[in-house]
Protein backbone atom coordinates (compact mmCIF):
# COMPACT_ATOMS: atom_id res chain seq x y z
CA MET A 1 -35.63 -31.90 -2.18
CA GLY A 2 -33.45 -33.06 0.69
CA LEU A 3 -30.52 -34.08 -1.50
CA PRO A 4 -27.12 -34.94 0.05
CA HIS A 5 -24.82 -32.06 0.98
CA ILE A 6 -22.15 -31.00 -1.51
CA VAL A 7 -18.63 -31.42 -0.11
CA THR A 8 -15.03 -31.70 -1.28
CA ARG A 9 -13.57 -35.05 -2.34
CA ALA A 10 -11.51 -35.19 0.89
CA GLU A 11 -14.60 -34.57 3.04
CA TRP A 12 -16.51 -37.23 1.09
CA GLN A 13 -13.66 -39.74 1.58
CA ALA A 14 -13.60 -39.14 5.35
CA ALA A 15 -17.35 -39.60 5.60
CA ARG A 16 -17.18 -42.71 3.41
CA GLU A 17 -14.51 -44.31 5.59
CA GLU A 18 -16.56 -43.63 8.71
CA LEU A 19 -19.57 -45.30 7.12
CA LEU A 20 -17.43 -48.19 5.82
CA ALA A 21 -16.45 -49.10 9.38
CA LYS A 22 -20.15 -49.36 10.26
CA GLU A 23 -20.85 -51.39 7.11
CA LYS A 24 -18.10 -53.88 8.00
CA ALA A 25 -19.50 -54.18 11.52
CA ALA A 26 -22.94 -54.85 10.03
CA THR A 27 -21.44 -57.55 7.77
CA ARG A 28 -19.83 -59.27 10.75
CA ALA A 29 -23.09 -59.03 12.69
CA ARG A 30 -24.97 -60.50 9.72
CA ASP A 31 -22.50 -63.40 9.53
CA ALA A 32 -23.08 -64.09 13.24
CA LEU A 33 -26.86 -63.92 12.77
CA ASN A 34 -26.69 -66.31 9.81
CA ALA A 35 -24.65 -68.76 11.90
CA GLU A 36 -27.25 -68.57 14.64
CA ARG A 37 -29.98 -69.21 12.07
CA ARG A 38 -28.16 -72.35 10.90
CA GLU A 39 -28.12 -73.53 14.52
CA LEU A 40 -31.92 -73.47 14.72
CA PRO A 41 -33.51 -76.86 15.46
CA MET A 42 -35.72 -78.41 12.78
CA VAL A 43 -39.14 -80.09 12.71
CA GLU A 44 -39.87 -83.29 10.80
CA ILE A 45 -42.79 -83.07 8.38
CA ASP A 46 -44.99 -86.14 8.70
CA LYS A 47 -48.04 -84.81 6.84
CA GLU A 48 -48.50 -85.71 3.16
CA TYR A 49 -49.01 -82.51 1.16
CA VAL A 50 -50.12 -82.66 -2.47
CA PHE A 51 -49.21 -79.98 -5.03
CA ASP A 52 -50.18 -79.49 -8.66
CA GLY A 53 -47.44 -78.52 -11.11
CA ALA A 54 -46.23 -78.79 -14.67
CA ASP A 55 -45.74 -82.56 -14.33
CA GLY A 56 -49.00 -83.21 -12.49
CA LYS A 57 -49.37 -84.09 -8.81
CA ALA A 58 -46.32 -83.83 -6.55
CA THR A 59 -45.47 -84.30 -2.88
CA LEU A 60 -43.32 -82.00 -0.77
CA LEU A 61 -40.47 -84.47 -1.21
CA ASP A 62 -40.95 -84.31 -4.99
CA LEU A 63 -40.46 -80.53 -4.89
CA PHE A 64 -36.83 -81.05 -3.83
CA ALA A 65 -36.13 -82.56 -7.29
CA GLY A 66 -33.56 -84.83 -5.64
CA ARG A 67 -31.60 -82.01 -4.00
CA ALA A 68 -30.80 -81.64 -0.30
CA GLN A 69 -32.60 -78.35 0.33
CA LEU A 70 -35.83 -76.69 -0.75
CA ILE A 71 -36.79 -73.00 -0.59
CA VAL A 72 -40.51 -72.33 -1.08
CA TYR A 73 -41.61 -68.79 -1.89
CA HIS A 74 -45.20 -68.25 -0.74
CA PHE A 75 -46.53 -66.26 -3.69
CA MET A 76 -49.80 -64.43 -3.01
CA PHE A 77 -52.26 -65.66 -5.64
CA ALA A 78 -55.75 -66.37 -4.30
CA PRO A 79 -57.90 -68.97 -6.10
CA GLU A 80 -60.33 -66.33 -7.36
CA TRP A 81 -57.67 -63.96 -8.76
CA ASP A 82 -56.82 -63.75 -12.45
CA ALA A 83 -53.24 -62.57 -11.79
CA GLY A 84 -50.68 -62.86 -9.03
CA CYS A 85 -49.76 -60.21 -6.46
CA ARG A 86 -47.78 -57.29 -7.93
CA SER A 87 -45.31 -57.17 -5.02
CA CYS A 88 -44.75 -60.93 -5.17
CA SER A 89 -44.21 -60.59 -8.91
CA ALA A 90 -41.57 -57.92 -8.34
CA PHE A 91 -39.85 -60.25 -5.86
CA LEU A 92 -39.83 -63.16 -8.31
CA ASP A 93 -38.48 -60.86 -11.05
CA GLN A 94 -35.26 -60.41 -9.08
CA ILE A 95 -34.50 -64.12 -8.58
CA GLY A 96 -31.29 -64.94 -10.42
CA HIS A 97 -30.39 -67.96 -12.53
CA LEU A 98 -31.50 -71.05 -10.61
CA ALA A 99 -28.43 -73.07 -11.63
CA HIS A 100 -26.36 -71.24 -9.00
CA LEU A 101 -28.69 -72.40 -6.22
CA ARG A 102 -28.94 -75.88 -7.66
CA ALA A 103 -25.14 -76.20 -7.74
CA ARG A 104 -25.34 -75.90 -3.96
CA GLY A 105 -27.96 -78.63 -3.73
CA THR A 106 -30.84 -76.21 -3.26
CA THR A 107 -34.13 -76.07 -5.18
CA PHE A 108 -36.21 -72.87 -5.34
CA VAL A 109 -39.93 -72.99 -6.14
CA ALA A 110 -42.98 -70.76 -5.81
CA ALA A 111 -46.27 -71.99 -4.37
CA SER A 112 -49.72 -70.40 -4.36
CA ARG A 113 -53.31 -71.27 -3.44
CA ALA A 114 -54.53 -70.50 -6.96
CA PRO A 115 -55.26 -73.53 -9.18
CA PHE A 116 -52.47 -74.40 -11.57
CA THR A 117 -54.74 -73.57 -14.53
CA ARG A 118 -54.62 -69.92 -13.39
CA ILE A 119 -50.94 -69.97 -12.45
CA LEU A 120 -49.75 -71.31 -15.81
CA PRO A 121 -50.95 -68.46 -18.09
CA PHE A 122 -49.74 -65.80 -15.65
CA LYS A 123 -46.34 -67.48 -15.38
CA ALA A 124 -46.12 -67.53 -19.19
CA ARG A 125 -47.06 -63.84 -19.34
CA MET A 126 -44.28 -62.99 -16.88
CA GLY A 127 -41.74 -65.16 -18.70
CA TRP A 128 -40.61 -66.96 -15.53
CA VAL A 129 -38.85 -70.33 -15.48
CA VAL A 130 -39.08 -70.80 -11.69
CA PRO A 131 -41.00 -74.01 -10.90
CA TRP A 132 -44.42 -72.94 -9.58
CA TYR A 133 -46.96 -75.13 -7.86
CA SER A 134 -50.54 -74.89 -6.74
CA THR A 135 -50.93 -75.93 -3.11
CA CYS A 136 -54.29 -77.58 -4.01
CA GLY A 137 -56.04 -75.73 -1.21
CA PRO A 138 -55.07 -73.72 1.89
CA GLU A 139 -53.72 -76.53 4.11
CA PHE A 140 -50.03 -76.20 3.23
CA ASN A 141 -50.10 -72.41 3.46
CA ARG A 142 -52.01 -72.44 6.75
CA ASP A 143 -49.71 -74.99 8.33
CA PHE A 144 -46.71 -72.79 7.48
CA THR A 145 -48.54 -69.55 8.41
CA ALA A 146 -48.55 -68.08 4.90
CA THR A 147 -52.37 -68.09 4.94
CA TYR A 148 -54.53 -67.04 7.90
CA ALA A 149 -58.18 -66.25 8.60
CA ASP A 150 -59.27 -62.70 9.42
CA PRO A 151 -61.96 -62.02 12.07
CA ALA A 152 -64.64 -62.51 9.42
CA GLY A 153 -63.24 -65.93 8.53
CA ARG A 154 -61.85 -64.88 5.16
CA LEU A 155 -58.59 -66.49 4.10
CA LEU A 156 -55.76 -63.99 3.56
CA ASP A 157 -52.23 -64.62 2.31
CA ARG A 158 -48.90 -63.01 3.14
CA PRO A 159 -45.63 -63.27 1.24
CA GLY A 160 -42.95 -65.40 2.80
CA ILE A 161 -40.29 -68.06 2.48
CA SER A 162 -40.16 -71.51 4.05
CA CYS A 163 -36.97 -73.58 4.00
CA PHE A 164 -36.76 -77.37 4.15
CA LEU A 165 -33.97 -79.93 4.45
CA ARG A 166 -34.07 -83.52 3.19
CA ASP A 167 -32.36 -86.52 4.75
CA GLY A 168 -33.16 -89.43 2.46
CA ASP A 169 -36.97 -89.47 2.28
CA ARG A 170 -37.35 -87.55 5.55
CA VAL A 171 -38.24 -83.87 5.19
CA PHE A 172 -37.60 -81.21 7.85
CA HIS A 173 -38.77 -77.62 8.21
CA THR A 174 -35.76 -75.46 9.16
CA TYR A 175 -36.73 -71.79 8.76
CA ALA A 176 -39.43 -69.31 7.73
CA THR A 177 -39.69 -65.56 7.28
CA PHE A 178 -42.46 -63.24 6.10
CA ASP A 179 -43.28 -59.68 5.08
CA ARG A 180 -40.35 -57.35 5.99
CA GLY A 181 -38.20 -60.43 6.55
CA LEU A 182 -38.01 -60.62 2.75
CA ASP A 183 -36.30 -57.23 2.47
CA GLY A 184 -32.90 -57.57 0.83
CA LEU A 185 -33.51 -61.13 -0.39
CA GLY A 186 -33.34 -62.33 -3.98
CA SER A 187 -29.66 -63.02 -4.67
CA THR A 188 -28.26 -66.56 -4.53
CA THR A 189 -26.21 -65.88 -1.40
CA SER A 190 -29.04 -64.10 0.44
CA LEU A 191 -31.33 -67.08 -0.14
CA LEU A 192 -28.68 -69.62 0.87
CA ASP A 193 -28.15 -67.64 4.08
CA LEU A 194 -31.70 -68.67 5.10
CA THR A 195 -30.97 -72.38 4.78
CA ALA A 196 -29.58 -74.94 7.21
CA LEU A 197 -26.54 -75.64 5.00
CA GLY A 198 -25.94 -71.97 4.19
CA ARG A 199 -23.49 -71.02 1.44
CA GLN A 200 -21.46 -74.18 2.23
CA GLU A 201 -18.24 -72.22 2.64
CA GLU A 202 -15.41 -73.43 4.88
CA TRP A 203 -15.45 -70.21 6.91
CA GLU A 204 -19.08 -70.59 7.92
CA GLU A 205 -20.21 -71.77 11.35
CA PRO A 206 -21.13 -74.37 12.43
CA LYS A 207 -18.26 -76.32 10.91
CA GLY A 208 -18.98 -79.36 8.76
CA ARG A 209 -21.90 -77.99 6.77
CA ALA A 210 -19.65 -77.13 3.81
CA SER A 211 -18.93 -80.79 3.11
CA GLU A 212 -22.45 -82.04 3.83
CA LEU A 213 -23.21 -82.43 0.12
CA GLY A 214 -19.96 -84.27 -0.57
CA ALA A 215 -18.76 -81.50 -2.89
CA PRO A 216 -16.16 -78.72 -2.77
CA ALA A 217 -16.94 -75.56 -0.81
CA GLY A 218 -19.68 -73.40 -2.28
CA SER A 219 -17.53 -70.76 -4.02
CA ALA A 220 -15.44 -73.50 -5.69
CA ARG A 221 -18.60 -74.71 -7.45
CA VAL A 222 -19.44 -71.41 -9.11
CA ARG A 223 -19.51 -71.60 -12.92
CA TYR A 224 -21.03 -69.66 -15.77
CA HIS A 225 -24.65 -70.72 -15.64
CA ASP A 226 -24.36 -72.52 -19.00
CA GLU A 227 -21.40 -74.59 -17.77
CA TYR A 228 -23.12 -76.47 -14.97
CA ASP A 229 -23.99 -80.12 -15.40
CA GLU A 230 -27.28 -80.79 -17.13
CA TYR A 231 -28.90 -82.26 -14.00
CA LEU A 232 -28.97 -78.83 -12.42
CA TYR A 233 -31.74 -77.81 -14.77
């Protein structure tokens, strides 16, 4: 079956320490990559997108819910489908309590091409509380490359994440990743690592992002999820 070799405890410890050195190197490399991601330039969004959600029509700015950052998960759910993509559903299942993202000024939502009347019963079936919006057509998805046309002209979707930053009423696109770029994502910190403000820790580069929200460094804001201020919900 190709199982690991059986060794003594001392042999295992030696092998573990050798691997640990590589793991620490990978962590440092990941930190450097995240810092480089935060240094990416951003693009201002001047197009007016309209979404359909639980409270009716909404703009891209509305999706921020007043917070500084927005993470949109492009959930594969075509207009003609009765249920969402199984792989996308598995991804959404692993998203933790949203209060931890919101405490760092970051809103997480899902968006799909399916009409909201199809999204709503499926969301209820899955028991999700993540805000989920219909993109009211393919324009938003196509502009952010989550939907594309095949050679026959059929619209196809791919799973992905798009990140946005708000400065007053101005909205900027800061980052996007798709397909295998989603591997390893789902935790609060892994999602924050995709954003322009990051985890908002003092040790992060570039300096100054930790205080951008006018609050203590990210880890100092961690609470039990039922102890956060009401506005986070």
